[in-house]
Amino acid sequence: MPATETLPSATRAAQPAENVVVVRGLTKVFKDFWGRPKAKAVESVDFEVRRGEVFGLLGPNGSGKSTTVKMLLGLLYPTKGHIEVFGHSPRHVPTKSRIGYLPEESYLYRYLDSNETLDFFGSLFDLPDNERRRRAEQLLEMVGLSQVRRRMVGEFSKGMQRRIGLAQALINDPDLVILDEPTSGLDPIGCREVKDLILALARRGKTVILSSHLLADVEDVCDRVVIYYGGKIRAMGTLKELLAKADSVRITAPALPRETLQRVLDVIRRDVAEDKVRIDTPTQNLESYFLGVVEKARASETETSGATSGSKVAAYLRGDAEASSQAGRILDRLTQPAAAAELKAAKPEPEETADLEKLDELSRPRDDRPPDERPAEAAKAAELEKANEKLSSLLGKPK
């Protein structure tokens, strides 16, 4: 049976308990060609998602998570049940403009570069030209792709495609963000930044629905989760109530002298069997260690030709976010206006310089580029030439 729902975690207890998503009795049955039931993907699902909450959808492959997401987006119609998103049906068109969606696979136009991709998605929301350009600039900087903005997204690695996919999901400044495996293919730095971004969005009052198989990511950011199996919710509640072990206690202390440790163990063993007591040395997790190594390499000004660490959350996404208690994280620190001003004062803006050769290259019309810089166009021209030669030989005409 699902666990009893409780209020959000204490860090967001001040948020109003407004329901953004309400699901009641949701059922989806897929049928075959003759209309016979083939698979019951979701069965009698009930849950709510509140404003400012990070809500996790967990479960094995084929358990009904993606089907639920598609019904929330209005891409699939439920067989039975009721869904409300911002008080309306998922098919309510104005409501869709308040939603940002990152699918499990990034469906992007291969021959558009990063700027053109964000400009296209921004135009779908009727954003003014100046606003689209401003947001695209901030988002590319945020996801660490500002240095490769002129490369076609078809040349991107999977991790870089996830980064541009995340940027397109946020171009409309959505109130509800639905992320399906957002850290898939990302390096540990990108994963950490995505998680910090999710927390920053929640602090601003955005609602995030996260579907992921990476349980460590879910544990870091989610307030509540539901666990699917066989199309049904098998557990639901806050992470604290689901993960707490009421029958055990952990005590953490600095390194103790051997005599002191022995006295402590003697006291504990009066009430607990010796085989029930375990002593070990705490360790940091691999993510923390990895980020520390990379931070040292970055401090030595080592260059990289891949994606870089995002510098800050896009200004229009930050809004009036409250000061974060997790000041140790890069993105969280930069979310705070006071910290950002302090950082800017400590590190003055460098003088602008212009690379005239690069500027000439970027201003050159696309069709005037040398053939070796136009692999797609060169391949099409060669293929057309071969076709003309073959047609000429068949007709017996000179080329």
Foldseek 3Di string as FASTA:
>chain_A
DADDADQFDPVCNVDDFAWQKWWFQFWAFDADPVRHTDATQAGGEGDTFGWLFEEEEAEDPSQNPVVVVCLLCVVDPTPDTDMAGNRDGSPPVVSNLQEFEQDPQQDFDQAAFLLRRQLVLLVVSVDDPVLSNQLSCLLCLQLQNPVRRPHGCNPDDRQVSLSSSVSSSCSSVHLEYEYEASCVPHDLLSLLSVLVLLNLLSLVGGYYYYYHHPVVSCVSHGRKYFYGGSNYTPYIYGPCVVVDDPVDDDDDDPDDPPVVVVVVVVVVCVPDPPVVDDDDDDDDDPSVVVVVVVVVVVVVVDDDPHGDHRQERRPVSLPVRDQDPPCVDRHSQCSDPVSVVVVCVVPPDDDDDDDVVVVVVVPDDPVPDDCVVVVPVVVVVVVVVVVVVVVCVVVVHDD
